Protein backbone atom coordinates (compact mmCIF):
# COMPACT_ATOMS: atom_id res chain seq x y z
CA UNK A 1 0.00 0.00 0.00
CA UNK A 2 1.50 3.32 -1.07
CA UNK A 3 1.21 6.14 1.46
CA UNK A 4 1.82 9.83 1.08
CA UNK A 5 5.12 10.83 2.69
CA UNK A 6 3.08 13.37 4.65
CA UNK A 7 1.78 10.58 6.89
CA UNK A 8 5.30 9.49 7.76
CA UNK A 9 6.81 12.93 8.35
CA UNK A 10 3.84 14.84 9.75
CA UNK A 11 4.80 17.14 12.59
CA UNK A 12 2.90 19.99 14.26
CA UNK A 13 3.40 23.18 12.29
CA UNK A 14 3.46 26.74 13.59
CA UNK A 15 -0.22 27.01 12.66
CA UNK A 16 -1.05 23.89 14.69
CA UNK A 17 0.86 25.22 17.70
CA UNK A 18 -0.85 28.61 17.60
CA UNK A 19 -4.26 27.00 17.13
CA UNK A 20 -3.61 24.60 20.00
CA UNK A 21 -2.54 27.45 22.27
CA UNK A 22 -5.72 29.37 21.45
CA UNK A 23 -7.91 26.33 22.12
CA UNK A 24 -6.26 25.40 25.42
CA UNK A 25 -6.00 29.00 26.59
CA UNK A 26 -9.61 29.69 25.64
CA UNK A 27 -10.88 26.70 27.60
CA UNK A 28 -8.93 27.71 30.71
CA UNK A 29 -10.10 31.33 30.49
CA UNK A 30 -13.78 30.33 30.33
CA UNK A 31 -13.50 30.13 34.11
CA UNK A 32 -13.33 33.93 34.01
CA UNK A 33 -15.84 34.51 31.21
CA UNK A 34 -17.48 32.31 28.59
CA UNK A 35 -16.69 35.00 26.00
CA UNK A 36 -13.19 33.53 25.98
CA UNK A 37 -14.71 30.52 24.25
CA UNK A 38 -14.39 32.65 21.11
CA UNK A 39 -10.64 32.03 21.36
CA UNK A 40 -11.39 28.31 21.10
CA UNK A 41 -13.44 29.02 17.97
CA UNK A 42 -10.59 31.04 16.51
CA UNK A 43 -8.17 28.20 17.14
CA UNK A 44 -10.49 25.52 15.74
CA UNK A 45 -11.96 27.25 12.72
CA UNK A 46 -9.70 30.24 12.03
CA UNK A 47 -6.98 28.37 10.10
CA UNK A 48 -9.59 26.65 7.93
CA UNK A 49 -11.23 29.96 7.04
CA UNK A 50 -7.85 31.47 6.17
CA UNK A 51 -7.03 28.49 3.95
CA UNK A 52 -10.36 28.66 2.13
CA UNK A 53 -9.80 32.36 1.46
CA UNK A 54 -6.33 31.61 0.11
CA UNK A 55 -4.50 33.60 2.81
CA UNK A 56 -2.90 30.56 4.42
CA UNK A 57 -1.19 27.91 2.28
CA UNK A 58 0.50 25.56 4.70
CA UNK A 59 -0.86 22.17 3.56
CA UNK A 60 -0.08 19.93 0.61
CA UNK A 61 -2.64 18.09 -1.51
CA UNK A 62 -2.69 14.99 0.72
CA UNK A 63 -3.43 17.09 3.80
CA UNK A 64 -6.16 19.09 2.07
CA UNK A 65 -7.89 15.93 0.84
CA UNK A 66 -7.67 14.45 4.35
CA UNK A 67 -9.21 17.62 5.81
CA UNK A 68 -12.06 17.66 3.30
CA UNK A 69 -12.74 13.96 3.93
CA UNK A 70 -12.76 14.57 7.68
CA UNK A 71 -15.16 17.45 7.17
CA UNK A 72 -17.52 15.19 5.22
CA UNK A 73 -17.37 12.62 7.99
CA UNK A 74 -18.24 15.35 10.51
CA UNK A 75 -21.17 16.38 8.31
CA UNK A 76 -22.45 12.79 8.18
CA UNK A 77 -22.13 12.32 11.95
CA UNK A 78 -23.84 15.62 12.78
CA UNK A 79 -26.58 14.97 10.23
CA UNK A 80 -27.36 11.49 11.56
CA UNK A 81 -27.51 12.73 15.17
CA UNK A 82 -29.63 15.74 14.14
CA UNK A 83 -32.17 13.54 12.34
CA UNK A 84 -32.36 11.18 15.30
CA UNK A 85 -32.76 14.06 17.74
CA UNK A 86 -35.54 15.70 15.71
CA UNK A 87 -37.37 12.36 15.49
CA UNK A 88 -36.91 11.80 19.23
CA UNK A 89 -38.11 15.23 20.36
CA UNK A 90 -41.07 15.41 17.96
CA UNK A 91 -42.38 11.91 18.65
CA UNK A 92 -43.73 12.94 22.07
CA UNK A 93 -43.69 15.60 24.77
CA UNK A 94 -39.92 15.89 24.99
CA UNK A 95 -38.88 19.52 25.32
CA UNK A 96 -35.20 20.46 25.62
CA UNK A 97 -34.92 22.98 28.43
CA UNK A 98 -31.40 24.32 27.88
CA UNK A 99 -30.56 25.08 24.22
CA UNK A 100 -26.88 25.66 25.08
CA UNK A 101 -26.58 21.95 25.79
CA UNK A 102 -27.62 21.19 22.22
CA UNK A 103 -24.97 23.59 20.92
CA UNK A 104 -22.38 21.86 23.11
CA UNK A 105 -23.52 18.47 21.82
CA UNK A 106 -23.07 19.34 18.16
CA UNK A 107 -19.82 21.23 18.75
CA UNK A 108 -18.40 18.18 20.55
CA UNK A 109 -19.61 15.84 17.82
CA UNK A 110 -18.25 17.94 14.96
CA UNK A 111 -14.84 18.47 16.57
CA UNK A 112 -14.36 14.87 17.67
CA UNK A 113 -15.40 13.40 14.32
CA UNK A 114 -13.23 15.79 12.33
CA UNK A 115 -10.16 15.35 14.53
CA UNK A 116 -10.43 11.54 14.67
CA UNK A 117 -10.93 11.23 10.90
CA UNK A 118 -8.03 13.58 10.17
CA UNK A 119 -5.72 11.66 12.51
CA UNK A 120 -6.69 8.39 10.82
CA UNK A 121 -5.63 9.88 7.50
CA UNK A 122 -2.34 11.26 8.85
CA UNK A 123 -1.22 8.39 11.08
CA UNK A 124 -3.24 5.36 10.02
CA UNK A 125 -5.66 3.36 12.14
CA UNK A 126 -3.25 1.58 14.47
CA UNK A 127 -1.03 4.56 15.26
CA UNK A 128 -4.06 6.79 15.84
CA UNK A 129 -5.71 4.26 18.15
CA UNK A 130 -2.50 3.55 20.05
CA UNK A 131 -1.59 7.20 20.56
CA UNK A 132 -5.12 8.09 21.58
CA UNK A 133 -5.15 5.26 24.13
CA UNK A 134 -1.75 6.27 25.48
CA UNK A 135 -3.06 9.83 25.79
CA UNK A 136 -6.14 8.63 27.68
CA UNK A 137 -3.97 6.51 29.94
CA UNK A 138 -1.62 9.40 30.74
CA UNK A 139 -4.54 11.74 31.42
CA UNK A 140 -6.19 9.27 33.79
CA UNK A 141 -2.86 8.57 35.47
CA UNK A 142 -2.28 12.26 36.17
CA UNK A 143 -5.85 12.63 37.41
CA UNK A 144 -5.51 9.64 39.75
CA UNK A 145 -2.26 10.92 41.24
CA UNK A 146 -3.42 14.54 41.60
CA UNK A 147 -6.77 13.53 43.14
CA UNK A 148 -5.00 11.29 45.65
CA UNK A 149 -2.55 14.06 46.57
CA UNK A 150 -5.38 16.53 47.10
CA UNK A 151 -6.70 17.95 50.31
CA UNK A 152 -7.55 14.51 51.76
CA UNK A 153 -4.61 12.10 51.71
CA UNK A 154 -5.92 8.56 51.16
CA UNK A 155 -2.67 6.75 51.78
CA UNK A 156 0.10 5.09 49.78
CA UNK A 157 -2.03 2.07 49.01
CA UNK A 158 -4.56 4.17 47.10
CA UNK A 159 -1.75 6.10 45.42
CA UNK A 160 -0.34 2.82 44.10
CA UNK A 161 -3.64 1.08 43.27
CA UNK A 162 -5.52 3.95 41.59
CA UNK A 163 -3.02 4.32 38.70
CA UNK A 164 -3.57 0.61 37.95
CA UNK A 165 -6.95 1.69 36.54
CA UNK A 166 -5.04 3.25 33.66
CA UNK A 167 -3.20 0.01 32.84
CA UNK A 168 -5.88 -1.26 30.37
CA UNK A 169 -5.38 1.86 28.23
CA UNK A 170 -1.65 1.20 27.86
CA UNK A 171 -2.21 -2.52 27.27
CA UNK A 172 -4.79 -1.85 24.54
CA UNK A 173 -2.47 0.74 23.00
CA UNK A 174 0.24 -1.91 22.82
CA UNK A 175 -2.21 -4.48 21.39
CA UNK A 176 -3.39 -2.02 18.72
CA UNK A 177 0.02 -2.09 17.07
CA UNK A 178 0.30 -5.89 17.05
CA UNK A 179 -3.12 -7.53 17.11
CA UNK A 180 -5.53 -4.80 15.98
CA UNK A 181 -8.64 -6.95 15.77
CA UNK A 182 -8.18 -8.28 19.29
CA UNK A 183 -7.61 -4.74 20.52
CA UNK A 184 -10.72 -3.61 18.62
CA UNK A 185 -12.90 -6.24 20.30
CA UNK A 186 -11.51 -5.31 23.73
CA UNK A 187 -12.16 -1.60 23.12
CA UNK A 188 -15.74 -2.17 21.94
CA UNK A 189 -16.34 -4.31 25.02
CA UNK A 190 -14.85 -1.56 27.19
CA UNK A 191 -17.13 1.03 25.59
CA UNK A 192 -20.20 -1.11 26.30
CA UNK A 193 -18.99 -1.58 29.89
CA UNK A 194 -18.58 2.17 30.42
CA UNK A 195 -22.08 2.85 29.05
CA UNK A 196 -23.54 0.32 31.47
CA UNK A 197 -21.32 1.30 34.39
CA UNK A 198 -22.16 5.00 34.16
CA UNK A 199 -25.85 4.31 33.44
CA UNK A 200 -25.94 6.35 30.23
CA UNK A 201 -29.10 6.98 28.22
CA UNK A 202 -31.49 6.10 31.05
CA UNK A 203 -32.69 9.45 32.39
CA UNK A 204 -34.85 12.38 31.31
CA UNK A 205 -34.36 14.46 28.16
CA UNK A 206 -31.94 17.01 29.55
CA UNK A 207 -29.81 14.41 31.29
CA UNK A 208 -29.83 12.44 28.05
CA UNK A 209 -28.26 15.34 26.15
CA UNK A 210 -25.54 15.69 28.80
CA UNK A 211 -24.90 11.95 28.73
CA UNK A 212 -24.54 11.96 24.94
CA UNK A 213 -21.93 14.72 25.28
CA UNK A 214 -20.09 12.64 27.89
CA UNK A 215 -20.35 9.60 25.63
CA UNK A 216 -18.85 11.48 22.67
CA UNK A 217 -15.91 12.91 24.61
CA UNK A 218 -15.06 9.96 26.87
CA UNK A 219 -16.46 6.76 25.37
CA UNK A 220 -16.44 7.93 21.73
CA UNK A 221 -12.66 7.71 21.21
CA UNK A 222 -12.60 4.19 22.68
CA UNK A 223 -15.53 2.96 20.60
CA UNK A 224 -14.35 4.66 17.39
CA UNK A 225 -10.85 3.23 17.81
CA UNK A 226 -12.29 -0.24 18.40
CA UNK A 227 -14.47 -0.13 15.28
CA UNK A 228 -11.59 1.20 13.16
CA UNK A 229 -9.22 -1.51 14.45
CA UNK A 230 -11.69 -4.27 13.58
CA UNK A 231 -11.47 -3.19 9.94
CA UNK A 232 -7.68 -3.53 9.94
CA UNK A 233 -6.19 -6.73 8.57
CA UNK A 234 -3.70 -8.94 10.27
CA UNK A 235 -0.77 -6.70 9.35
CA UNK A 236 0.22 -3.38 10.76
CA UNK A 237 0.30 0.15 9.39
CA UNK A 238 4.07 0.01 9.23
CA UNK A 239 3.96 -3.16 7.12
CA UNK A 240 1.43 -1.62 4.75
CA UNK A 241 3.60 1.41 4.28
C-alpha atoms as a PDB file:
ATOM      1  CA  UNK A   1       0.000   0.000   0.000  1.00  0.00           C
ATOM      2  CA  UNK A   2       1.495   3.317  -1.068  1.00  0.00           C
ATOM      3  CA  UNK A   3       1.208   6.140   1.465  1.00  0.00           C
ATOM      4  CA  UNK A   4       1.820   9.826   1.078  1.00  0.00           C
ATOM      5  CA  UNK A   5       5.123  10.826   2.691  1.00  0.00           C
ATOM      6  CA  UNK A   6       3.084  13.369   4.649  1.00  0.00           C
ATOM      7  CA  UNK A   7       1.776  10.581   6.886  1.00  0.00           C
ATOM      8  CA  UNK A   8       5.301   9.490   7.763  1.00  0.00           C
ATOM      9  CA  UNK A   9       6.806  12.928   8.349  1.00  0.00           C
ATOM     10  CA  UNK A  10       3.838  14.838   9.750  1.00  0.00           C
ATOM     11  CA  UNK A  11       4.798  17.141  12.591  1.00  0.00           C
ATOM     12  CA  UNK A  12       2.897  19.992  14.264  1.00  0.00           C
ATOM     13  CA  UNK A  13       3.400  23.181  12.286  1.00  0.00           C
ATOM     14  CA  UNK A  14       3.455  26.744  13.589  1.00  0.00           C
ATOM     15  CA  UNK A  15      -0.221  27.014  12.663  1.00  0.00           C
ATOM     16  CA  UNK A  16      -1.047  23.892  14.691  1.00  0.00           C
ATOM     17  CA  UNK A  17       0.863  25.216  17.701  1.00  0.00           C
ATOM     18  CA  UNK A  18      -0.850  28.605  17.596  1.00  0.00           C
ATOM     19  CA  UNK A  19      -4.263  26.998  17.130  1.00  0.00           C
ATOM     20  CA  UNK A  20      -3.607  24.596  20.001  1.00  0.00           C
ATOM     21  CA  UNK A  21      -2.537  27.445  22.270  1.00  0.00           C
ATOM     22  CA  UNK A  22      -5.723  29.368  21.451  1.00  0.00           C
ATOM     23  CA  UNK A  23      -7.915  26.328  22.115  1.00  0.00           C
ATOM     24  CA  UNK A  24      -6.255  25.403  25.420  1.00  0.00           C
ATOM     25  CA  UNK A  25      -6.005  29.002  26.595  1.00  0.00           C
ATOM     26  CA  UNK A  26      -9.606  29.693  25.638  1.00  0.00           C
ATOM     27  CA  UNK A  27     -10.875  26.699  27.601  1.00  0.00           C
ATOM     28  CA  UNK A  28      -8.926  27.707  30.708  1.00  0.00           C
ATOM     29  CA  UNK A  29     -10.105  31.329  30.488  1.00  0.00           C
ATOM     30  CA  UNK A  30     -13.776  30.327  30.335  1.00  0.00           C
ATOM     31  CA  UNK A  31     -13.501  30.132  34.115  1.00  0.00           C
ATOM     32  CA  UNK A  32     -13.333  33.930  34.007  1.00  0.00           C
ATOM     33  CA  UNK A  33     -15.840  34.511  31.211  1.00  0.00           C
ATOM     34  CA  UNK A  34     -17.477  32.315  28.590  1.00  0.00           C
ATOM     35  CA  UNK A  35     -16.693  34.999  26.001  1.00  0.00           C
ATOM     36  CA  UNK A  36     -13.189  33.534  25.983  1.00  0.00           C
ATOM     37  CA  UNK A  37     -14.712  30.520  24.245  1.00  0.00           C
ATOM     38  CA  UNK A  38     -14.393  32.653  21.111  1.00  0.00           C
ATOM     39  CA  UNK A  39     -10.642  32.028  21.356  1.00  0.00           C
ATOM     40  CA  UNK A  40     -11.392  28.314  21.096  1.00  0.00           C
ATOM     41  CA  UNK A  41     -13.437  29.016  17.969  1.00  0.00           C
ATOM     42  CA  UNK A  42     -10.587  31.044  16.505  1.00  0.00           C
ATOM     43  CA  UNK A  43      -8.170  28.198  17.136  1.00  0.00           C
ATOM     44  CA  UNK A  44     -10.491  25.518  15.744  1.00  0.00           C
ATOM     45  CA  UNK A  45     -11.957  27.252  12.717  1.00  0.00           C
ATOM     46  CA  UNK A  46      -9.698  30.237  12.030  1.00  0.00           C
ATOM     47  CA  UNK A  47      -6.979  28.369  10.099  1.00  0.00           C
ATOM     48  CA  UNK A  48      -9.591  26.654   7.925  1.00  0.00           C
ATOM     49  CA  UNK A  49     -11.232  29.956   7.037  1.00  0.00           C
ATOM     50  CA  UNK A  50      -7.850  31.468   6.171  1.00  0.00           C
ATOM     51  CA  UNK A  51      -7.028  28.489   3.947  1.00  0.00           C
ATOM     52  CA  UNK A  52     -10.355  28.660   2.127  1.00  0.00           C
ATOM     53  CA  UNK A  53      -9.797  32.365   1.456  1.00  0.00           C
ATOM     54  CA  UNK A  54      -6.325  31.610   0.113  1.00  0.00           C
ATOM     55  CA  UNK A  55      -4.503  33.604   2.807  1.00  0.00           C
ATOM     56  CA  UNK A  56      -2.898  30.556   4.416  1.00  0.00           C
ATOM     57  CA  UNK A  57      -1.194  27.907   2.280  1.00  0.00           C
ATOM     58  CA  UNK A  58       0.498  25.556   4.703  1.00  0.00           C
ATOM     59  CA  UNK A  59      -0.859  22.168   3.563  1.00  0.00           C
ATOM     60  CA  UNK A  60      -0.079  19.927   0.613  1.00  0.00           C
ATOM     61  CA  UNK A  61      -2.637  18.086  -1.513  1.00  0.00           C
ATOM     62  CA  UNK A  62      -2.689  14.985   0.720  1.00  0.00           C
ATOM     63  CA  UNK A  63      -3.428  17.087   3.804  1.00  0.00           C
ATOM     64  CA  UNK A  64      -6.159  19.094   2.070  1.00  0.00           C
ATOM     65  CA  UNK A  65      -7.888  15.929   0.840  1.00  0.00           C
ATOM     66  CA  UNK A  66      -7.671  14.446   4.348  1.00  0.00           C
ATOM     67  CA  UNK A  67      -9.205  17.618   5.807  1.00  0.00           C
ATOM     68  CA  UNK A  68     -12.058  17.656   3.301  1.00  0.00           C
ATOM     69  CA  UNK A  69     -12.744  13.961   3.928  1.00  0.00           C
ATOM     70  CA  UNK A  70     -12.762  14.573   7.681  1.00  0.00           C
ATOM     71  CA  UNK A  71     -15.160  17.452   7.168  1.00  0.00           C
ATOM     72  CA  UNK A  72     -17.521  15.195   5.218  1.00  0.00           C
ATOM     73  CA  UNK A  73     -17.371  12.624   7.995  1.00  0.00           C
ATOM     74  CA  UNK A  74     -18.237  15.347  10.509  1.00  0.00           C
ATOM     75  CA  UNK A  75     -21.174  16.381   8.313  1.00  0.00           C
ATOM     76  CA  UNK A  76     -22.453  12.792   8.185  1.00  0.00           C
ATOM     77  CA  UNK A  77     -22.132  12.318  11.954  1.00  0.00           C
ATOM     78  CA  UNK A  78     -23.837  15.615  12.780  1.00  0.00           C
ATOM     79  CA  UNK A  79     -26.584  14.973  10.227  1.00  0.00           C
ATOM     80  CA  UNK A  80     -27.357  11.492  11.561  1.00  0.00           C
ATOM     81  CA  UNK A  81     -27.513  12.733  15.166  1.00  0.00           C
ATOM     82  CA  UNK A  82     -29.634  15.742  14.144  1.00  0.00           C
ATOM     83  CA  UNK A  83     -32.166  13.536  12.340  1.00  0.00           C
ATOM     84  CA  UNK A  84     -32.361  11.180  15.296  1.00  0.00           C
ATOM     85  CA  UNK A  85     -32.758  14.063  17.740  1.00  0.00           C
ATOM     86  CA  UNK A  86     -35.542  15.696  15.708  1.00  0.00           C
ATOM     87  CA  UNK A  87     -37.374  12.358  15.491  1.00  0.00           C
ATOM     88  CA  UNK A  88     -36.912  11.798  19.233  1.00  0.00           C
ATOM     89  CA  UNK A  89     -38.110  15.233  20.361  1.00  0.00           C
ATOM     90  CA  UNK A  90     -41.069  15.409  17.959  1.00  0.00           C
ATOM     91  CA  UNK A  91     -42.379  11.909  18.649  1.00  0.00           C
ATOM     92  CA  UNK A  92     -43.734  12.940  22.068  1.00  0.00           C
ATOM     93  CA  UNK A  93     -43.688  15.598  24.774  1.00  0.00           C
ATOM     94  CA  UNK A  94     -39.921  15.889  24.989  1.00  0.00           C
ATOM     95  CA  UNK A  95     -38.881  19.517  25.320  1.00  0.00           C
ATOM     96  CA  UNK A  96     -35.197  20.463  25.615  1.00  0.00           C
ATOM     97  CA  UNK A  97     -34.916  22.983  28.433  1.00  0.00           C
ATOM     98  CA  UNK A  98     -31.398  24.320  27.878  1.00  0.00           C
ATOM     99  CA  UNK A  99     -30.559  25.080  24.223  1.00  0.00           C
ATOM    100  CA  UNK A 100     -26.877  25.657  25.082  1.00  0.00           C
ATOM    101  CA  UNK A 101     -26.576  21.945  25.792  1.00  0.00           C
ATOM    102  CA  UNK A 102     -27.622  21.194  22.220  1.00  0.00           C
ATOM    103  CA  UNK A 103     -24.970  23.589  20.924  1.00  0.00           C
ATOM    104  CA  UNK A 104     -22.376  21.858  23.109  1.00  0.00           C
ATOM    105  CA  UNK A 105     -23.524  18.470  21.822  1.00  0.00           C
ATOM    106  CA  UNK A 106     -23.066  19.336  18.158  1.00  0.00           C
ATOM    107  CA  UNK A 107     -19.819  21.232  18.750  1.00  0.00           C
ATOM    108  CA  UNK A 108     -18.395  18.181  20.545  1.00  0.00           C
ATOM    109  CA  UNK A 109     -19.613  15.842  17.815  1.00  0.00           C
ATOM    110  CA  UNK A 110     -18.246  17.939  14.963  1.00  0.00           C
ATOM    111  CA  UNK A 111     -14.843  18.472  16.570  1.00  0.00           C
ATOM    112  CA  UNK A 112     -14.363  14.869  17.669  1.00  0.00           C
ATOM    113  CA  UNK A 113     -15.400  13.400  14.317  1.00  0.00           C
ATOM    114  CA  UNK A 114     -13.228  15.794  12.327  1.00  0.00           C
ATOM    115  CA  UNK A 115     -10.157  15.351  14.529  1.00  0.00           C
ATOM    116  CA  UNK A 116     -10.433  11.543  14.669  1.00  0.00           C
ATOM    117  CA  UNK A 117     -10.933  11.232  10.903  1.00  0.00           C
ATOM    118  CA  UNK A 118      -8.026  13.581  10.166  1.00  0.00           C
ATOM    119  CA  UNK A 119      -5.717  11.655  12.508  1.00  0.00           C
ATOM    120  CA  UNK A 120      -6.691   8.390  10.817  1.00  0.00           C
ATOM    121  CA  UNK A 121      -5.630   9.882   7.497  1.00  0.00           C
ATOM    122  CA  UNK A 122      -2.340  11.264   8.854  1.00  0.00           C
ATOM    123  CA  UNK A 123      -1.222   8.391  11.080  1.00  0.00           C
ATOM    124  CA  UNK A 124      -3.242   5.360  10.021  1.00  0.00           C
ATOM    125  CA  UNK A 125      -5.663   3.358  12.145  1.00  0.00           C
ATOM    126  CA  UNK A 126      -3.247   1.584  14.473  1.00  0.00           C
ATOM    127  CA  UNK A 127      -1.034   4.557  15.255  1.00  0.00           C
ATOM    128  CA  UNK A 128      -4.058   6.786  15.836  1.00  0.00           C
ATOM    129  CA  UNK A 129      -5.714   4.264  18.147  1.00  0.00           C
ATOM    130  CA  UNK A 130      -2.504   3.545  20.052  1.00  0.00           C
ATOM    131  CA  UNK A 131      -1.587   7.197  20.563  1.00  0.00           C
ATOM    132  CA  UNK A 132      -5.121   8.091  21.584  1.00  0.00           C
ATOM    133  CA  UNK A 133      -5.154   5.258  24.132  1.00  0.00           C
ATOM    134  CA  UNK A 134      -1.752   6.270  25.481  1.00  0.00           C
ATOM    135  CA  UNK A 135      -3.056   9.829  25.789  1.00  0.00           C
ATOM    136  CA  UNK A 136      -6.138   8.628  27.679  1.00  0.00           C
ATOM    137  CA  UNK A 137      -3.969   6.509  29.939  1.00  0.00           C
ATOM    138  CA  UNK A 138      -1.616   9.395  30.737  1.00  0.00           C
ATOM    139  CA  UNK A 139      -4.539  11.745  31.417  1.00  0.00           C
ATOM    140  CA  UNK A 140      -6.195   9.267  33.792  1.00  0.00           C
ATOM    141  CA  UNK A 141      -2.859   8.572  35.466  1.00  0.00           C
ATOM    142  CA  UNK A 142      -2.277  12.262  36.166  1.00  0.00           C
ATOM    143  CA  UNK A 143      -5.852  12.625  37.407  1.00  0.00           C
ATOM    144  CA  UNK A 144      -5.512   9.635  39.748  1.00  0.00           C
ATOM    145  CA  UNK A 145      -2.260  10.923  41.238  1.00  0.00           C
ATOM    146  CA  UNK A 146      -3.424  14.537  41.603  1.00  0.00           C
ATOM    147  CA  UNK A 147      -6.768  13.531  43.136  1.00  0.00           C
ATOM    148  CA  UNK A 148      -4.996  11.291  45.652  1.00  0.00           C
ATOM    149  CA  UNK A 149      -2.549  14.057  46.565  1.00  0.00           C
ATOM    150  CA  UNK A 150      -5.379  16.534  47.099  1.00  0.00           C
ATOM    151  CA  UNK A 151      -6.695  17.951  50.313  1.00  0.00           C
ATOM    152  CA  UNK A 152      -7.545  14.512  51.758  1.00  0.00           C
ATOM    153  CA  UNK A 153      -4.610  12.097  51.712  1.00  0.00           C
ATOM    154  CA  UNK A 154      -5.918   8.556  51.161  1.00  0.00           C
ATOM    155  CA  UNK A 155      -2.666   6.747  51.780  1.00  0.00           C
ATOM    156  CA  UNK A 156       0.098   5.091  49.782  1.00  0.00           C
ATOM    157  CA  UNK A 157      -2.029   2.067  49.014  1.00  0.00           C
ATOM    158  CA  UNK A 158      -4.559   4.165  47.101  1.00  0.00           C
ATOM    159  CA  UNK A 159      -1.750   6.101  45.420  1.00  0.00           C
ATOM    160  CA  UNK A 160      -0.344   2.817  44.098  1.00  0.00           C
ATOM    161  CA  UNK A 161      -3.636   1.083  43.271  1.00  0.00           C
ATOM    162  CA  UNK A 162      -5.518   3.952  41.594  1.00  0.00           C
ATOM    163  CA  UNK A 163      -3.024   4.324  38.703  1.00  0.00           C
ATOM    164  CA  UNK A 164      -3.570   0.611  37.948  1.00  0.00           C
ATOM    165  CA  UNK A 165      -6.954   1.695  36.536  1.00  0.00           C
ATOM    166  CA  UNK A 166      -5.036   3.252  33.657  1.00  0.00           C
ATOM    167  CA  UNK A 167      -3.203   0.013  32.837  1.00  0.00           C
ATOM    168  CA  UNK A 168      -5.876  -1.259  30.369  1.00  0.00           C
ATOM    169  CA  UNK A 169      -5.378   1.861  28.229  1.00  0.00           C
ATOM    170  CA  UNK A 170      -1.653   1.196  27.857  1.00  0.00           C
ATOM    171  CA  UNK A 171      -2.206  -2.521  27.274  1.00  0.00           C
ATOM    172  CA  UNK A 172      -4.790  -1.847  24.537  1.00  0.00           C
ATOM    173  CA  UNK A 173      -2.473   0.738  23.000  1.00  0.00           C
ATOM    174  CA  UNK A 174       0.241  -1.914  22.816  1.00  0.00           C
ATOM    175  CA  UNK A 175      -2.207  -4.480  21.390  1.00  0.00           C
ATOM    176  CA  UNK A 176      -3.395  -2.019  18.718  1.00  0.00           C
ATOM    177  CA  UNK A 177       0.018  -2.089  17.071  1.00  0.00           C
ATOM    178  CA  UNK A 178       0.302  -5.888  17.048  1.00  0.00           C
ATOM    179  CA  UNK A 179      -3.125  -7.534  17.114  1.00  0.00           C
ATOM    180  CA  UNK A 180      -5.528  -4.802  15.976  1.00  0.00           C
ATOM    181  CA  UNK A 181      -8.642  -6.950  15.767  1.00  0.00           C
ATOM    182  CA  UNK A 182      -8.179  -8.282  19.290  1.00  0.00           C
ATOM    183  CA  UNK A 183      -7.614  -4.743  20.525  1.00  0.00           C
ATOM    184  CA  UNK A 184     -10.722  -3.615  18.618  1.00  0.00           C
ATOM    185  CA  UNK A 185     -12.903  -6.237  20.303  1.00  0.00           C
ATOM    186  CA  UNK A 186     -11.512  -5.308  23.727  1.00  0.00           C
ATOM    187  CA  UNK A 187     -12.164  -1.604  23.123  1.00  0.00           C
ATOM    188  CA  UNK A 188     -15.735  -2.168  21.939  1.00  0.00           C
ATOM    189  CA  UNK A 189     -16.337  -4.311  25.018  1.00  0.00           C
ATOM    190  CA  UNK A 190     -14.845  -1.564  27.193  1.00  0.00           C
ATOM    191  CA  UNK A 191     -17.130   1.028  25.589  1.00  0.00           C
ATOM    192  CA  UNK A 192     -20.197  -1.114  26.305  1.00  0.00           C
ATOM    193  CA  UNK A 193     -18.994  -1.582  29.888  1.00  0.00           C
ATOM    194  CA  UNK A 194     -18.583   2.168  30.419  1.00  0.00           C
ATOM    195  CA  UNK A 195     -22.077   2.846  29.050  1.00  0.00           C
ATOM    196  CA  UNK A 196     -23.542   0.316  31.471  1.00  0.00           C
ATOM    197  CA  UNK A 197     -21.317   1.299  34.393  1.00  0.00           C
ATOM    198  CA  UNK A 198     -22.165   5.003  34.162  1.00  0.00           C
ATOM    199  CA  UNK A 199     -25.847   4.307  33.439  1.00  0.00           C
ATOM    200  CA  UNK A 200     -25.935   6.347  30.235  1.00  0.00           C
ATOM    201  CA  UNK A 201     -29.100   6.976  28.223  1.00  0.00           C
ATOM    202  CA  UNK A 202     -31.494   6.104  31.048  1.00  0.00           C
ATOM    203  CA  UNK A 203     -32.688   9.448  32.387  1.00  0.00           C
ATOM    204  CA  UNK A 204     -34.852  12.384  31.305  1.00  0.00           C
ATOM    205  CA  UNK A 205     -34.358  14.461  28.157  1.00  0.00           C
ATOM    206  CA  UNK A 206     -31.940  17.005  29.551  1.00  0.00           C
ATOM    207  CA  UNK A 207     -29.813  14.406  31.294  1.00  0.00           C
ATOM    208  CA  UNK A 208     -29.834  12.437  28.045  1.00  0.00           C
ATOM    209  CA  UNK A 209     -28.259  15.341  26.147  1.00  0.00           C
ATOM    210  CA  UNK A 210     -25.543  15.688  28.804  1.00  0.00           C
ATOM    211  CA  UNK A 211     -24.901  11.953  28.726  1.00  0.00           C
ATOM    212  CA  UNK A 212     -24.541  11.959  24.944  1.00  0.00           C
ATOM    213  CA  UNK A 213     -21.925  14.721  25.279  1.00  0.00           C
ATOM    214  CA  UNK A 214     -20.085  12.636  27.892  1.00  0.00           C
ATOM    215  CA  UNK A 215     -20.348   9.603  25.630  1.00  0.00           C
ATOM    216  CA  UNK A 216     -18.848  11.480  22.668  1.00  0.00           C
ATOM    217  CA  UNK A 217     -15.910  12.910  24.608  1.00  0.00           C
ATOM    218  CA  UNK A 218     -15.057   9.964  26.871  1.00  0.00           C
ATOM    219  CA  UNK A 219     -16.463   6.762  25.365  1.00  0.00           C
ATOM    220  CA  UNK A 220     -16.444   7.932  21.734  1.00  0.00           C
ATOM    221  CA  UNK A 221     -12.658   7.710  21.212  1.00  0.00           C
ATOM    222  CA  UNK A 222     -12.599   4.191  22.679  1.00  0.00           C
ATOM    223  CA  UNK A 223     -15.531   2.961  20.601  1.00  0.00           C
ATOM    224  CA  UNK A 224     -14.352   4.662  17.388  1.00  0.00           C
ATOM    225  CA  UNK A 225     -10.853   3.228  17.814  1.00  0.00           C
ATOM    226  CA  UNK A 226     -12.285  -0.236  18.399  1.00  0.00           C
ATOM    227  CA  UNK A 227     -14.470  -0.125  15.281  1.00  0.00           C
ATOM    228  CA  UNK A 228     -11.593   1.198  13.165  1.00  0.00           C
ATOM    229  CA  UNK A 229      -9.220  -1.514  14.452  1.00  0.00           C
ATOM    230  CA  UNK A 230     -11.687  -4.266  13.577  1.00  0.00           C
ATOM    231  CA  UNK A 231     -11.467  -3.189   9.944  1.00  0.00           C
ATOM    232  CA  UNK A 232      -7.677  -3.530   9.938  1.00  0.00           C
ATOM    233  CA  UNK A 233      -6.193  -6.733   8.571  1.00  0.00           C
ATOM    234  CA  UNK A 234      -3.701  -8.944  10.272  1.00  0.00           C
ATOM    235  CA  UNK A 235      -0.767  -6.699   9.354  1.00  0.00           C
ATOM    236  CA  UNK A 236       0.222  -3.381  10.763  1.00  0.00           C
ATOM    237  CA  UNK A 237       0.304   0.148   9.385  1.00  0.00           C
ATOM    238  CA  UNK A 238       4.067   0.008   9.232  1.00  0.00           C
ATOM    239  CA  UNK A 239       3.956  -3.159   7.119  1.00  0.00           C
ATOM    240  CA  UNK A 240       1.426  -1.624   4.753  1.00  0.00           C
ATOM    241  CA  UNK A 241       3.601   1.411   4.280  1.00  0.00           C
END
